mmCIF file of all heavy atoms, coordinates in Angstrom:
data_MODEL
# 
_entry.id   MODEL 
# 
loop_
_atom_site.group_PDB 
_atom_site.id 
_atom_site.type_symbol 
_atom_site.label_atom_id 
_atom_site.label_alt_id 
_atom_site.label_comp_id 
_atom_site.label_asym_id 
_atom_site.label_entity_id 
_atom_site.label_seq_id 
_atom_site.pdbx_PDB_ins_code 
_atom_site.Cartn_x 
_atom_site.Cartn_y 
_atom_site.Cartn_z 
_atom_site.occupancy 
_atom_site.B_iso_or_equiv 
_atom_site.pdbx_formal_charge 
_atom_site.auth_seq_id 
_atom_site.auth_comp_id 
_atom_site.auth_asym_id 
_atom_site.auth_atom_id 
_atom_site.pdbx_PDB_model_num 
ATOM 1   N N   . ALA A 1 1  ? -1.981  -7.641  12.376  1.00 0.00 ? 1  ALA A N   1 
ATOM 2   C CA  . ALA A 1 1  ? -2.480  -6.664  13.343  1.00 0.00 ? 1  ALA A CA  1 
ATOM 3   C C   . ALA A 1 1  ? -3.370  -5.623  12.667  1.00 0.00 ? 1  ALA A C   1 
ATOM 4   O O   . ALA A 1 1  ? -4.446  -5.281  13.175  1.00 0.00 ? 1  ALA A O   1 
ATOM 5   C CB  . ALA A 1 1  ? -1.308  -5.979  14.034  1.00 0.00 ? 1  ALA A CB  1 
ATOM 6   N N   . LEU A 1 2  ? -2.952  -5.131  11.510  1.00 0.00 ? 2  LEU A N   1 
ATOM 7   C CA  . LEU A 1 2  ? -3.681  -4.074  10.811  1.00 0.00 ? 2  LEU A CA  1 
ATOM 8   C C   . LEU A 1 2  ? -5.088  -4.510  10.426  1.00 0.00 ? 2  LEU A C   1 
ATOM 9   O O   . LEU A 1 2  ? -6.067  -3.773  10.620  1.00 0.00 ? 2  LEU A O   1 
ATOM 10  C CB  . LEU A 1 2  ? -2.903  -3.647  9.564   1.00 0.00 ? 2  LEU A CB  1 
ATOM 11  C CG  . LEU A 1 2  ? -3.525  -2.558  8.690   1.00 0.00 ? 2  LEU A CG  1 
ATOM 12  C CD1 . LEU A 1 2  ? -3.510  -1.223  9.425   1.00 0.00 ? 2  LEU A CD1 1 
ATOM 13  C CD2 . LEU A 1 2  ? -2.766  -2.444  7.369   1.00 0.00 ? 2  LEU A CD2 1 
ATOM 14  N N   . LEU A 1 3  ? -5.200  -5.720  9.881   1.00 0.00 ? 3  LEU A N   1 
ATOM 15  C CA  . LEU A 1 3  ? -6.493  -6.175  9.369   1.00 0.00 ? 3  LEU A CA  1 
ATOM 16  C C   . LEU A 1 3  ? -7.449  -6.612  10.470  1.00 0.00 ? 3  LEU A C   1 
ATOM 17  O O   . LEU A 1 3  ? -8.592  -6.946  10.205  1.00 0.00 ? 3  LEU A O   1 
ATOM 18  C CB  . LEU A 1 3  ? -6.291  -7.306  8.356   1.00 0.00 ? 3  LEU A CB  1 
ATOM 19  C CG  . LEU A 1 3  ? -5.521  -6.915  7.096   1.00 0.00 ? 3  LEU A CG  1 
ATOM 20  C CD1 . LEU A 1 3  ? -5.526  -8.056  6.092   1.00 0.00 ? 3  LEU A CD1 1 
ATOM 21  C CD2 . LEU A 1 3  ? -6.087  -5.656  6.459   1.00 0.00 ? 3  LEU A CD2 1 
ATOM 22  N N   . ARG A 1 4  ? -6.977  -6.616  11.725  1.00 0.00 ? 4  ARG A N   1 
ATOM 23  C CA  . ARG A 1 4  ? -7.891  -6.843  12.834  1.00 0.00 ? 4  ARG A CA  1 
ATOM 24  C C   . ARG A 1 4  ? -8.808  -5.630  13.051  1.00 0.00 ? 4  ARG A C   1 
ATOM 25  O O   . ARG A 1 4  ? -9.908  -5.763  13.569  1.00 0.00 ? 4  ARG A O   1 
ATOM 26  C CB  . ARG A 1 4  ? -7.087  -7.066  14.126  1.00 0.00 ? 4  ARG A CB  1 
ATOM 27  C CG  . ARG A 1 4  ? -7.005  -8.524  14.543  1.00 0.00 ? 4  ARG A CG  1 
ATOM 28  C CD  . ARG A 1 4  ? -6.398  -8.669  15.918  1.00 0.00 ? 4  ARG A CD  1 
ATOM 29  N NE  . ARG A 1 4  ? -5.357  -9.673  15.863  1.00 0.00 ? 4  ARG A NE  1 
ATOM 30  C CZ  . ARG A 1 4  ? -4.201  -9.599  16.480  1.00 0.00 ? 4  ARG A CZ  1 
ATOM 31  N NH1 . ARG A 1 4  ? -3.898  -8.538  17.193  1.00 0.00 ? 4  ARG A NH1 1 
ATOM 32  N NH2 . ARG A 1 4  ? -3.324  -10.560 16.373  1.00 0.00 ? 4  ARG A NH2 1 
ATOM 33  N N   . PHE A 1 5  ? -8.313  -4.464  12.664  1.00 0.00 ? 5  PHE A N   1 
ATOM 34  C CA  . PHE A 1 5  ? -9.022  -3.219  12.975  1.00 0.00 ? 5  PHE A CA  1 
ATOM 35  C C   . PHE A 1 5  ? -9.480  -2.461  11.734  1.00 0.00 ? 5  PHE A C   1 
ATOM 36  O O   . PHE A 1 5  ? -10.134 -1.425  11.844  1.00 0.00 ? 5  PHE A O   1 
ATOM 37  C CB  . PHE A 1 5  ? -8.119  -2.313  13.823  1.00 0.00 ? 5  PHE A CB  1 
ATOM 38  C CG  . PHE A 1 5  ? -7.568  -2.981  15.049  1.00 0.00 ? 5  PHE A CG  1 
ATOM 39  C CD1 . PHE A 1 5  ? -6.254  -3.411  15.101  1.00 0.00 ? 5  PHE A CD1 1 
ATOM 40  C CD2 . PHE A 1 5  ? -8.385  -3.214  16.157  1.00 0.00 ? 5  PHE A CD2 1 
ATOM 41  C CE1 . PHE A 1 5  ? -5.743  -4.039  16.234  1.00 0.00 ? 5  PHE A CE1 1 
ATOM 42  C CE2 . PHE A 1 5  ? -7.879  -3.836  17.277  1.00 0.00 ? 5  PHE A CE2 1 
ATOM 43  C CZ  . PHE A 1 5  ? -6.573  -4.259  17.327  1.00 0.00 ? 5  PHE A CZ  1 
ATOM 44  N N   . THR A 1 6  ? -9.132  -2.937  10.551  1.00 0.00 ? 6  THR A N   1 
ATOM 45  C CA  . THR A 1 6  ? -9.537  -2.264  9.321   1.00 0.00 ? 6  THR A CA  1 
ATOM 46  C C   . THR A 1 6  ? -10.185 -3.272  8.377   1.00 0.00 ? 6  THR A C   1 
ATOM 47  O O   . THR A 1 6  ? -10.097 -4.483  8.590   1.00 0.00 ? 6  THR A O   1 
ATOM 48  C CB  . THR A 1 6  ? -8.333  -1.626  8.603   1.00 0.00 ? 6  THR A CB  1 
ATOM 49  O OG1 . THR A 1 6  ? -7.452  -2.672  8.147   1.00 0.00 ? 6  THR A OG1 1 
ATOM 50  C CG2 . THR A 1 6  ? -7.563  -0.692  9.524   1.00 0.00 ? 6  THR A CG2 1 
ATOM 51  N N   . GLU A 1 7  ? -10.796 -2.769  7.339   1.00 0.00 ? 7  GLU A N   1 
ATOM 52  C CA  . GLU A 1 7  ? -11.302 -3.649  6.291   1.00 0.00 ? 7  GLU A CA  1 
ATOM 53  C C   . GLU A 1 7  ? -10.138 -4.168  5.456   1.00 0.00 ? 7  GLU A C   1 
ATOM 54  O O   . GLU A 1 7  ? -9.107  -3.484  5.304   1.00 0.00 ? 7  GLU A O   1 
ATOM 55  C CB  . GLU A 1 7  ? -12.288 -2.899  5.399   1.00 0.00 ? 7  GLU A CB  1 
ATOM 56  C CG  . GLU A 1 7  ? -13.572 -2.470  6.095   1.00 0.00 ? 7  GLU A CG  1 
ATOM 57  C CD  . GLU A 1 7  ? -14.449 -3.639  6.500   1.00 0.00 ? 7  GLU A CD  1 
ATOM 58  O OE1 . GLU A 1 7  ? -14.220 -4.764  6.019   1.00 0.00 ? 7  GLU A OE1 1 
ATOM 59  O OE2 . GLU A 1 7  ? -15.380 -3.419  7.308   1.00 0.00 ? 7  GLU A OE2 1 
ATOM 60  N N   . LYS A 1 8  ? -10.295 -5.361  4.909   1.00 0.00 ? 8  LYS A N   1 
ATOM 61  C CA  . LYS A 1 8  ? -9.218  -5.947  4.108   1.00 0.00 ? 8  LYS A CA  1 
ATOM 62  C C   . LYS A 1 8  ? -8.937  -5.115  2.856   1.00 0.00 ? 8  LYS A C   1 
ATOM 63  O O   . LYS A 1 8  ? -7.801  -5.078  2.371   1.00 0.00 ? 8  LYS A O   1 
ATOM 64  C CB  . LYS A 1 8  ? -9.566  -7.389  3.744   1.00 0.00 ? 8  LYS A CB  1 
ATOM 65  C CG  . LYS A 1 8  ? -9.656  -8.298  4.963   1.00 0.00 ? 8  LYS A CG  1 
ATOM 66  C CD  . LYS A 1 8  ? -10.138 -9.699  4.616   1.00 0.00 ? 8  LYS A CD  1 
ATOM 67  C CE  . LYS A 1 8  ? -10.289 -10.540 5.882   1.00 0.00 ? 8  LYS A CE  1 
ATOM 68  N NZ  . LYS A 1 8  ? -10.772 -11.902 5.614   1.00 0.00 ? 8  LYS A NZ  1 
ATOM 69  N N   . ARG A 1 9  ? -9.952  -4.445  2.346   1.00 0.00 ? 9  ARG A N   1 
ATOM 70  C CA  . ARG A 1 9  ? -9.750  -3.604  1.170   1.00 0.00 ? 9  ARG A CA  1 
ATOM 71  C C   . ARG A 1 9  ? -8.710  -2.521  1.442   1.00 0.00 ? 9  ARG A C   1 
ATOM 72  O O   . ARG A 1 9  ? -7.941  -2.144  0.545   1.00 0.00 ? 9  ARG A O   1 
ATOM 73  C CB  . ARG A 1 9  ? -11.080 -2.968  0.741   1.00 0.00 ? 9  ARG A CB  1 
ATOM 74  C CG  . ARG A 1 9  ? -10.986 -2.177  -0.553  1.00 0.00 ? 9  ARG A CG  1 
ATOM 75  C CD  . ARG A 1 9  ? -12.313 -1.568  -0.946  1.00 0.00 ? 9  ARG A CD  1 
ATOM 76  N NE  . ARG A 1 9  ? -12.679 -0.444  -0.085  1.00 0.00 ? 9  ARG A NE  1 
ATOM 77  C CZ  . ARG A 1 9  ? -13.699 0.367   -0.335  1.00 0.00 ? 9  ARG A CZ  1 
ATOM 78  N NH1 . ARG A 1 9  ? -14.467 0.172   -1.401  1.00 0.00 ? 9  ARG A NH1 1 
ATOM 79  N NH2 . ARG A 1 9  ? -13.982 1.362   0.489   1.00 0.00 ? 9  ARG A NH2 1 
ATOM 80  N N   . PHE A 1 10 ? -8.672  -2.003  2.659   1.00 0.00 ? 10 PHE A N   1 
ATOM 81  C CA  . PHE A 1 10 ? -7.692  -0.972  3.010   1.00 0.00 ? 10 PHE A CA  1 
ATOM 82  C C   . PHE A 1 10 ? -6.271  -1.493  2.837   1.00 0.00 ? 10 PHE A C   1 
ATOM 83  O O   . PHE A 1 10 ? -5.385  -0.780  2.348   1.00 0.00 ? 10 PHE A O   1 
ATOM 84  C CB  . PHE A 1 10 ? -7.905  -0.509  4.457   1.00 0.00 ? 10 PHE A CB  1 
ATOM 85  C CG  . PHE A 1 10 ? -6.864  0.473   4.936   1.00 0.00 ? 10 PHE A CG  1 
ATOM 86  C CD1 . PHE A 1 10 ? -6.904  1.796   4.539   1.00 0.00 ? 10 PHE A CD1 1 
ATOM 87  C CD2 . PHE A 1 10 ? -5.835  0.058   5.774   1.00 0.00 ? 10 PHE A CD2 1 
ATOM 88  C CE1 . PHE A 1 10 ? -5.938  2.696   4.974   1.00 0.00 ? 10 PHE A CE1 1 
ATOM 89  C CE2 . PHE A 1 10 ? -4.864  0.939   6.211   1.00 0.00 ? 10 PHE A CE2 1 
ATOM 90  C CZ  . PHE A 1 10 ? -4.916  2.268   5.811   1.00 0.00 ? 10 PHE A CZ  1 
ATOM 91  N N   . GLY A 1 11 ? -6.037  -2.737  3.230   1.00 0.00 ? 11 GLY A N   1 
ATOM 92  C CA  . GLY A 1 11 ? -4.701  -3.314  3.075   1.00 0.00 ? 11 GLY A CA  1 
ATOM 93  C C   . GLY A 1 11 ? -4.285  -3.418  1.620   1.00 0.00 ? 11 GLY A C   1 
ATOM 94  O O   . GLY A 1 11 ? -3.134  -3.153  1.268   1.00 0.00 ? 11 GLY A O   1 
ATOM 95  N N   . VAL A 1 12 ? -5.223  -3.822  0.753   1.00 0.00 ? 12 VAL A N   1 
ATOM 96  C CA  . VAL A 1 12 ? -4.924  -3.932  -0.673  1.00 0.00 ? 12 VAL A CA  1 
ATOM 97  C C   . VAL A 1 12 ? -4.606  -2.562  -1.268  1.00 0.00 ? 12 VAL A C   1 
ATOM 98  O O   . VAL A 1 12 ? -3.644  -2.403  -2.037  1.00 0.00 ? 12 VAL A O   1 
ATOM 99  C CB  . VAL A 1 12 ? -6.107  -4.587  -1.418  1.00 0.00 ? 12 VAL A CB  1 
ATOM 100 C CG1 . VAL A 1 12 ? -5.932  -4.484  -2.914  1.00 0.00 ? 12 VAL A CG1 1 
ATOM 101 C CG2 . VAL A 1 12 ? -6.240  -6.050  -1.022  1.00 0.00 ? 12 VAL A CG2 1 
ATOM 102 N N   . LEU A 1 13 ? -5.405  -1.563  -0.931  1.00 0.00 ? 13 LEU A N   1 
ATOM 103 C CA  . LEU A 1 13 ? -5.171  -0.218  -1.462  1.00 0.00 ? 13 LEU A CA  1 
ATOM 104 C C   . LEU A 1 13 ? -3.846  0.347   -0.970  1.00 0.00 ? 13 LEU A C   1 
ATOM 105 O O   . LEU A 1 13 ? -3.065  0.916   -1.741  1.00 0.00 ? 13 LEU A O   1 
ATOM 106 C CB  . LEU A 1 13 ? -6.322  0.703   -1.055  1.00 0.00 ? 13 LEU A CB  1 
ATOM 107 C CG  . LEU A 1 13 ? -7.678  0.414   -1.698  1.00 0.00 ? 13 LEU A CG  1 
ATOM 108 C CD1 . LEU A 1 13 ? -8.770  1.246   -1.032  1.00 0.00 ? 13 LEU A CD1 1 
ATOM 109 C CD2 . LEU A 1 13 ? -7.625  0.717   -3.194  1.00 0.00 ? 13 LEU A CD2 1 
ATOM 110 N N   . LEU A 1 14 ? -3.580  0.206   0.329   1.00 0.00 ? 14 LEU A N   1 
ATOM 111 C CA  . LEU A 1 14 ? -2.346  0.731   0.912   1.00 0.00 ? 14 LEU A CA  1 
ATOM 112 C C   . LEU A 1 14 ? -1.124  0.113   0.259   1.00 0.00 ? 14 LEU A C   1 
ATOM 113 O O   . LEU A 1 14 ? -0.189  0.817   -0.153  1.00 0.00 ? 14 LEU A O   1 
ATOM 114 C CB  . LEU A 1 14 ? -2.336  0.461   2.416   1.00 0.00 ? 14 LEU A CB  1 
ATOM 115 C CG  . LEU A 1 14 ? -1.079  0.893   3.177   1.00 0.00 ? 14 LEU A CG  1 
ATOM 116 C CD1 . LEU A 1 14 ? -0.946  2.410   3.164   1.00 0.00 ? 14 LEU A CD1 1 
ATOM 117 C CD2 . LEU A 1 14 ? -1.131  0.367   4.621   1.00 0.00 ? 14 LEU A CD2 1 
ATOM 118 N N   . GLY A 1 15 ? -1.103  -1.207  0.149   1.00 0.00 ? 15 GLY A N   1 
ATOM 119 C CA  . GLY A 1 15 ? 0.050   -1.893  -0.425  1.00 0.00 ? 15 GLY A CA  1 
ATOM 120 C C   . GLY A 1 15 ? 0.281   -1.538  -1.884  1.00 0.00 ? 15 GLY A C   1 
ATOM 121 O O   . GLY A 1 15 ? 1.427   -1.332  -2.315  1.00 0.00 ? 15 GLY A O   1 
ATOM 122 N N   . THR A 1 16 ? -0.783  -1.449  -2.663  1.00 0.00 ? 16 THR A N   1 
ATOM 123 C CA  . THR A 1 16 ? -0.654  -1.144  -4.089  1.00 0.00 ? 16 THR A CA  1 
ATOM 124 C C   . THR A 1 16 ? -0.104  0.257   -4.308  1.00 0.00 ? 16 THR A C   1 
ATOM 125 O O   . THR A 1 16 ? 0.800   0.470   -5.129  1.00 0.00 ? 16 THR A O   1 
ATOM 126 C CB  . THR A 1 16 ? -2.017  -1.277  -4.792  1.00 0.00 ? 16 THR A CB  1 
ATOM 127 O OG1 . THR A 1 16 ? -2.513  -2.605  -4.606  1.00 0.00 ? 16 THR A OG1 1 
ATOM 128 C CG2 . THR A 1 16 ? -1.899  -0.982  -6.280  1.00 0.00 ? 16 THR A CG2 1 
ATOM 129 N N   . ILE A 1 17 ? -0.618  1.223   -3.571  1.00 0.00 ? 17 ILE A N   1 
ATOM 130 C CA  . ILE A 1 17 ? -0.192  2.613   -3.747  1.00 0.00 ? 17 ILE A CA  1 
ATOM 131 C C   . ILE A 1 17 ? 1.264   2.810   -3.340  1.00 0.00 ? 17 ILE A C   1 
ATOM 132 O O   . ILE A 1 17 ? 2.056   3.437   -4.060  1.00 0.00 ? 17 ILE A O   1 
ATOM 133 C CB  . ILE A 1 17 ? -1.118  3.554   -2.957  1.00 0.00 ? 17 ILE A CB  1 
ATOM 134 C CG1 . ILE A 1 17 ? -2.521  3.554   -3.584  1.00 0.00 ? 17 ILE A CG1 1 
ATOM 135 C CG2 . ILE A 1 17 ? -0.555  4.976   -2.928  1.00 0.00 ? 17 ILE A CG2 1 
ATOM 136 C CD1 . ILE A 1 17 ? -3.575  4.238   -2.741  1.00 0.00 ? 17 ILE A CD1 1 
ATOM 137 N N   . VAL A 1 18 ? 1.644   2.264   -2.188  1.00 0.00 ? 18 VAL A N   1 
ATOM 138 C CA  . VAL A 1 18 ? 3.023   2.454   -1.729  1.00 0.00 ? 18 VAL A CA  1 
ATOM 139 C C   . VAL A 1 18 ? 4.002   1.732   -2.647  1.00 0.00 ? 18 VAL A C   1 
ATOM 140 O O   . VAL A 1 18 ? 5.095   2.245   -2.923  1.00 0.00 ? 18 VAL A O   1 
ATOM 141 C CB  . VAL A 1 18 ? 3.173   1.978   -0.265  1.00 0.00 ? 18 VAL A CB  1 
ATOM 142 C CG1 . VAL A 1 18 ? 4.638   2.048   0.173   1.00 0.00 ? 18 VAL A CG1 1 
ATOM 143 C CG2 . VAL A 1 18 ? 2.313   2.824   0.656   1.00 0.00 ? 18 VAL A CG2 1 
ATOM 144 N N   . TRP A 1 19 ? 3.635   0.551   -3.145  1.00 0.00 ? 19 TRP A N   1 
ATOM 145 C CA  . TRP A 1 19 ? 4.513   -0.149  -4.085  1.00 0.00 ? 19 TRP A CA  1 
ATOM 146 C C   . TRP A 1 19 ? 4.802   0.725   -5.305  1.00 0.00 ? 19 TRP A C   1 
ATOM 147 O O   . TRP A 1 19 ? 5.945   0.847   -5.743  1.00 0.00 ? 19 TRP A O   1 
ATOM 148 C CB  . TRP A 1 19 ? 3.868   -1.459  -4.539  1.00 0.00 ? 19 TRP A CB  1 
ATOM 149 C CG  . TRP A 1 19 ? 4.733   -2.248  -5.479  1.00 0.00 ? 19 TRP A CG  1 
ATOM 150 C CD1 . TRP A 1 19 ? 5.642   -3.212  -5.143  1.00 0.00 ? 19 TRP A CD1 1 
ATOM 151 C CD2 . TRP A 1 19 ? 4.796   -2.118  -6.912  1.00 0.00 ? 19 TRP A CD2 1 
ATOM 152 N NE1 . TRP A 1 19 ? 6.268   -3.694  -6.262  1.00 0.00 ? 19 TRP A NE1 1 
ATOM 153 C CE2 . TRP A 1 19 ? 5.780   -3.036  -7.367  1.00 0.00 ? 19 TRP A CE2 1 
ATOM 154 C CE3 . TRP A 1 19 ? 4.151   -1.320  -7.835  1.00 0.00 ? 19 TRP A CE3 1 
ATOM 155 C CZ2 . TRP A 1 19 ? 6.095   -3.174  -8.718  1.00 0.00 ? 19 TRP A CZ2 1 
ATOM 156 C CZ3 . TRP A 1 19 ? 4.470   -1.456  -9.181  1.00 0.00 ? 19 TRP A CZ3 1 
ATOM 157 C CH2 . TRP A 1 19 ? 5.434   -2.371  -9.620  1.00 0.00 ? 19 TRP A CH2 1 
ATOM 158 N N   . ALA A 1 20 ? 3.764   1.334   -5.862  1.00 0.00 ? 20 ALA A N   1 
ATOM 159 C CA  . ALA A 1 20 ? 3.936   2.156   -7.053  1.00 0.00 ? 20 ALA A CA  1 
ATOM 160 C C   . ALA A 1 20 ? 4.808   3.371   -6.774  1.00 0.00 ? 20 ALA A C   1 
ATOM 161 O O   . ALA A 1 20 ? 5.674   3.734   -7.579  1.00 0.00 ? 20 ALA A O   1 
ATOM 162 C CB  . ALA A 1 20 ? 2.564   2.590   -7.577  1.00 0.00 ? 20 ALA A CB  1 
ATOM 163 N N   . VAL A 1 21 ? 4.602   4.015   -5.629  1.00 0.00 ? 21 VAL A N   1 
ATOM 164 C CA  . VAL A 1 21 ? 5.403   5.191   -5.268  1.00 0.00 ? 21 VAL A CA  1 
ATOM 165 C C   . VAL A 1 21 ? 6.878   4.831   -5.157  1.00 0.00 ? 21 VAL A C   1 
ATOM 166 O O   . VAL A 1 21 ? 7.762   5.538   -5.664  1.00 0.00 ? 21 VAL A O   1 
ATOM 167 C CB  . VAL A 1 21 ? 4.876   5.808   -3.958  1.00 0.00 ? 21 VAL A CB  1 
ATOM 168 C CG1 . VAL A 1 21 ? 5.849   6.868   -3.437  1.00 0.00 ? 21 VAL A CG1 1 
ATOM 169 C CG2 . VAL A 1 21 ? 3.498   6.417   -4.168  1.00 0.00 ? 21 VAL A CG2 1 
ATOM 170 N N   . CYS A 1 22 ? 7.160   3.708   -4.488  1.00 0.00 ? 22 CYS A N   1 
ATOM 171 C CA  . CYS A 1 22 ? 8.559   3.280   -4.328  1.00 0.00 ? 22 CYS A CA  1 
ATOM 172 C C   . CYS A 1 22 ? 9.182   2.836   -5.642  1.00 0.00 ? 22 CYS A C   1 
ATOM 173 O O   . CYS A 1 22 ? 10.410  2.850   -5.783  1.00 0.00 ? 22 CYS A O   1 
ATOM 174 C CB  . CYS A 1 22 ? 8.645   2.140   -3.308  1.00 0.00 ? 22 CYS A CB  1 
ATOM 175 S SG  . CYS A 1 22 ? 8.300   2.633   -1.611  1.00 0.00 ? 22 CYS A SG  1 
ATOM 176 N N   . GLN A 1 23 ? 8.358   2.436   -6.604  1.00 0.00 ? 23 GLN A N   1 
ATOM 177 C CA  . GLN A 1 23 ? 8.864   2.036   -7.916  1.00 0.00 ? 23 GLN A CA  1 
ATOM 178 C C   . GLN A 1 23 ? 9.291   3.255   -8.731  1.00 0.00 ? 23 GLN A C   1 
ATOM 179 O O   . GLN A 1 23 ? 10.263  3.206   -9.476  1.00 0.00 ? 23 GLN A O   1 
ATOM 180 C CB  . GLN A 1 23 ? 7.775   1.266   -8.671  1.00 0.00 ? 23 GLN A CB  1 
ATOM 181 C CG  . GLN A 1 23 ? 8.214   0.634   -9.973  1.00 0.00 ? 23 GLN A CG  1 
ATOM 182 C CD  . GLN A 1 23 ? 8.995   -0.645  -9.760  1.00 0.00 ? 23 GLN A CD  1 
ATOM 183 O OE1 . GLN A 1 23 ? 9.192   -1.076  -8.625  1.00 0.00 ? 23 GLN A OE1 1 
ATOM 184 N NE2 . GLN A 1 23 ? 9.451   -1.257  -10.826 1.00 0.00 ? 23 GLN A NE2 1 
ATOM 185 N N   . VAL A 1 24 ? 8.572   4.350   -8.561  1.00 0.00 ? 24 VAL A N   1 
ATOM 186 C CA  . VAL A 1 24 ? 8.786   5.523   -9.402  1.00 0.00 ? 24 VAL A CA  1 
ATOM 187 C C   . VAL A 1 24 ? 9.898   6.433   -8.880  1.00 0.00 ? 24 VAL A C   1 
ATOM 188 O O   . VAL A 1 24 ? 10.752  6.896   -9.646  1.00 0.00 ? 24 VAL A O   1 
ATOM 189 C CB  . VAL A 1 24 ? 7.471   6.329   -9.526  1.00 0.00 ? 24 VAL A CB  1 
ATOM 190 C CG1 . VAL A 1 24 ? 7.723   7.680   -10.176 1.00 0.00 ? 24 VAL A CG1 1 
ATOM 191 C CG2 . VAL A 1 24 ? 6.452   5.546   -10.325 1.00 0.00 ? 24 VAL A CG2 1 
ATOM 192 N N   . ILE A 1 25 ? 9.888   6.704   -7.575  1.00 0.00 ? 25 ILE A N   1 
ATOM 193 C CA  . ILE A 1 25 ? 10.738  7.776   -7.033  1.00 0.00 ? 25 ILE A CA  1 
ATOM 194 C C   . ILE A 1 25 ? 12.226  7.598   -7.333  1.00 0.00 ? 25 ILE A C   1 
ATOM 195 O O   . ILE A 1 25 ? 12.882  8.540   -7.812  1.00 0.00 ? 25 ILE A O   1 
ATOM 196 C CB  . ILE A 1 25 ? 10.496  7.919   -5.520  1.00 0.00 ? 25 ILE A CB  1 
ATOM 197 C CG1 . ILE A 1 25 ? 9.107   8.529   -5.284  1.00 0.00 ? 25 ILE A CG1 1 
ATOM 198 C CG2 . ILE A 1 25 ? 11.565  8.802   -4.879  1.00 0.00 ? 25 ILE A CG2 1 
ATOM 199 C CD1 . ILE A 1 25 ? 8.738   8.680   -3.826  1.00 0.00 ? 25 ILE A CD1 1 
ATOM 200 N N   . PRO A 1 26 ? 12.846  6.422   -7.079  1.00 0.00 ? 26 PRO A N   1 
ATOM 201 C CA  . PRO A 1 26 ? 14.294  6.328   -7.344  1.00 0.00 ? 26 PRO A CA  1 
ATOM 202 C C   . PRO A 1 26 ? 14.659  6.598   -8.796  1.00 0.00 ? 26 PRO A C   1 
ATOM 203 O O   . PRO A 1 26 ? 15.647  7.293   -9.078  1.00 0.00 ? 26 PRO A O   1 
ATOM 204 C CB  . PRO A 1 26 ? 14.630  4.885   -6.942  1.00 0.00 ? 26 PRO A CB  1 
ATOM 205 C CG  . PRO A 1 26 ? 13.564  4.499   -5.987  1.00 0.00 ? 26 PRO A CG  1 
ATOM 206 C CD  . PRO A 1 26 ? 12.324  5.183   -6.477  1.00 0.00 ? 26 PRO A CD  1 
ATOM 207 N N   . VAL A 1 27 ? 13.870  6.064   -9.739  1.00 0.00 ? 27 VAL A N   1 
ATOM 208 C CA  . VAL A 1 27 ? 14.186  6.242   -11.158 1.00 0.00 ? 27 VAL A CA  1 
ATOM 209 C C   . VAL A 1 27 ? 14.039  7.709   -11.557 1.00 0.00 ? 27 VAL A C   1 
ATOM 210 O O   . VAL A 1 27 ? 14.906  8.286   -12.222 1.00 0.00 ? 27 VAL A O   1 
ATOM 211 C CB  . VAL A 1 27 ? 13.287  5.347   -12.031 1.00 0.00 ? 27 VAL A CB  1 
ATOM 212 C CG1 . VAL A 1 27 ? 13.507  5.677   -13.507 1.00 0.00 ? 27 VAL A CG1 1 
ATOM 213 C CG2 . VAL A 1 27 ? 13.570  3.877   -11.761 1.00 0.00 ? 27 VAL A CG2 1 
ATOM 214 N N   . VAL A 1 28 ? 12.939  8.331   -11.141 1.00 0.00 ? 28 VAL A N   1 
ATOM 215 C CA  . VAL A 1 28 ? 12.704  9.732   -11.507 1.00 0.00 ? 28 VAL A CA  1 
ATOM 216 C C   . VAL A 1 28 ? 13.776  10.638  -10.918 1.00 0.00 ? 28 VAL A C   1 
ATOM 217 O O   . VAL A 1 28 ? 14.304  11.534  -11.597 1.00 0.00 ? 28 VAL A O   1 
ATOM 218 C CB  . VAL A 1 28 ? 11.297  10.174  -11.050 1.00 0.00 ? 28 VAL A CB  1 
ATOM 219 C CG1 . VAL A 1 28 ? 11.130  11.685  -11.210 1.00 0.00 ? 28 VAL A CG1 1 
ATOM 220 C CG2 . VAL A 1 28 ? 10.230  9.441   -11.843 1.00 0.00 ? 28 VAL A CG2 1 
# 
């Protein structure tokens, strides 16, 4: 649904950033 209305690059950026945030927060 998301990529119907956005550029595919947005999906790559969104997924990469959120993955990193979720990796860091619990440990810190």
